[in-house]
């Protein structure tokens, strides 16, 4: 992965997941974690 597009802070037109797949590290699943809290008086 060193030296690939994924290591640079610029946007990747075809997407980070596509670049990772091309490098042999295809994403197989994702987990979203959502946290909820009570609003403050402000």
N, C-alpha and C. Protein backbone atom coordinates (compact mmCIF):
# COMPACT_ATOMS: atom_id res chain seq x y z
N UNK A 1 0.81 -1.18 0.00
CA UNK A 1 0.00 0.00 0.00
C UNK A 1 0.87 1.26 0.00
N UNK A 2 2.10 1.09 0.46
CA UNK A 2 3.02 2.22 0.48
C UNK A 2 3.22 2.75 -0.94
N UNK A 3 3.06 4.05 -1.13
CA UNK A 3 3.25 4.67 -2.43
C UNK A 3 2.01 4.67 -3.30
N UNK A 4 0.92 4.05 -2.85
CA UNK A 4 -0.32 4.02 -3.64
C UNK A 4 -1.15 5.27 -3.38
N UNK A 5 -2.20 5.43 -4.18
CA UNK A 5 -3.08 6.60 -4.03
C UNK A 5 -3.71 6.69 -2.65
N UNK A 6 -3.92 5.57 -2.02
CA UNK A 6 -4.59 5.53 -0.73
C UNK A 6 -3.77 6.24 0.36
N UNK A 7 -2.48 6.39 0.14
CA UNK A 7 -1.60 7.01 1.12
C UNK A 7 -1.54 8.53 1.01
N UNK A 8 -2.19 9.11 0.02
CA UNK A 8 -2.16 10.56 -0.19
C UNK A 8 -3.47 11.20 0.27
N UNK A 9 -3.42 12.42 0.79
CA UNK A 9 -4.64 13.05 1.32
C UNK A 9 -5.61 13.55 0.25
N UNK A 10 -5.27 13.49 -1.02
CA UNK A 10 -6.16 13.99 -2.07
C UNK A 10 -7.33 13.02 -2.30
N UNK A 11 -8.42 13.55 -2.86
CA UNK A 11 -9.57 12.72 -3.21
C UNK A 11 -9.18 11.71 -4.27
N UNK A 12 -9.80 10.54 -4.21
CA UNK A 12 -9.57 9.49 -5.19
C UNK A 12 -10.84 9.40 -6.04
N UNK A 13 -10.72 9.73 -7.31
CA UNK A 13 -11.87 9.79 -8.19
C UNK A 13 -12.67 8.50 -8.26
N UNK A 14 -12.01 7.37 -8.35
CA UNK A 14 -12.72 6.09 -8.48
C UNK A 14 -13.09 5.50 -7.13
N UNK A 15 -12.66 6.12 -6.04
CA UNK A 15 -13.04 5.69 -4.70
C UNK A 15 -11.97 4.87 -4.00
N UNK A 16 -11.89 5.08 -2.72
CA UNK A 16 -10.89 4.38 -1.91
C UNK A 16 -11.14 2.88 -1.89
N UNK A 17 -12.40 2.45 -1.88
CA UNK A 17 -12.69 1.02 -1.87
C UNK A 17 -12.19 0.33 -3.13
N UNK A 18 -12.29 1.00 -4.26
CA UNK A 18 -11.80 0.43 -5.52
C UNK A 18 -10.27 0.30 -5.49
N UNK A 19 -9.60 1.32 -4.98
CA UNK A 19 -8.14 1.26 -4.89
C UNK A 19 -7.71 0.13 -3.96
N UNK A 20 -8.37 -0.01 -2.83
CA UNK A 20 -8.04 -1.10 -1.90
C UNK A 20 -8.26 -2.46 -2.55
N UNK A 21 -9.34 -2.61 -3.31
CA UNK A 21 -9.60 -3.88 -4.00
C UNK A 21 -8.49 -4.18 -5.01
N UNK A 22 -8.04 -3.16 -5.74
CA UNK A 22 -6.96 -3.35 -6.71
C UNK A 22 -5.66 -3.76 -6.02
N UNK A 23 -5.48 -3.35 -4.78
CA UNK A 23 -4.28 -3.69 -4.02
C UNK A 23 -4.41 -5.03 -3.29
N UNK A 24 -5.55 -5.69 -3.45
CA UNK A 24 -5.75 -6.98 -2.82
C UNK A 24 -6.35 -6.91 -1.43
N UNK A 25 -6.90 -5.79 -1.05
CA UNK A 25 -7.51 -5.62 0.27
C UNK A 25 -8.96 -5.19 0.11
N UNK A 26 -9.75 -6.03 -0.58
CA UNK A 26 -11.14 -5.69 -0.85
C UNK A 26 -11.96 -5.64 0.44
N UNK A 27 -12.80 -4.63 0.56
CA UNK A 27 -13.66 -4.48 1.73
C UNK A 27 -14.79 -5.49 1.63
N UNK A 28 -15.01 -6.26 2.71
CA UNK A 28 -16.05 -7.28 2.69
C UNK A 28 -17.26 -6.89 3.52
N UNK A 29 -17.09 -5.98 4.46
CA UNK A 29 -18.22 -5.49 5.25
C UNK A 29 -17.85 -4.17 5.91
N UNK A 30 -18.84 -3.48 6.42
CA UNK A 30 -18.62 -2.22 7.13
C UNK A 30 -19.56 -2.17 8.33
N UNK A 31 -19.15 -1.44 9.35
CA UNK A 31 -19.96 -1.28 10.55
C UNK A 31 -20.07 0.22 10.84
N UNK A 32 -21.31 0.71 10.92
CA UNK A 32 -21.55 2.10 11.31
C UNK A 32 -21.93 2.12 12.78
N UNK A 33 -21.27 2.98 13.54
CA UNK A 33 -21.61 3.13 14.95
C UNK A 33 -22.22 4.50 15.14
N UNK A 34 -23.44 4.54 15.69
CA UNK A 34 -24.16 5.79 15.90
C UNK A 34 -24.40 5.95 17.38
N UNK A 35 -24.10 7.13 17.89
CA UNK A 35 -24.28 7.42 19.31
C UNK A 35 -25.30 8.54 19.45
N UNK A 36 -26.25 8.37 20.36
CA UNK A 36 -27.30 9.36 20.57
C UNK A 36 -27.20 9.88 21.99
N UNK A 37 -27.44 11.17 22.16
CA UNK A 37 -27.44 11.74 23.51
C UNK A 37 -28.58 12.74 23.62
N UNK A 38 -28.93 13.06 24.83
CA UNK A 38 -29.97 14.06 25.08
C UNK A 38 -29.43 15.43 24.68
N UNK A 39 -30.27 16.30 24.13
CA UNK A 39 -29.82 17.64 23.76
C UNK A 39 -29.53 18.48 25.01
N UNK A 40 -28.63 19.43 24.87
CA UNK A 40 -28.34 20.34 25.98
C UNK A 40 -29.36 21.49 25.96
N UNK A 41 -29.51 22.21 27.04
CA UNK A 41 -30.48 23.33 27.08
C UNK A 41 -30.20 24.39 26.01
N UNK A 42 -28.94 24.53 25.57
CA UNK A 42 -28.62 25.51 24.54
C UNK A 42 -29.12 25.00 23.26
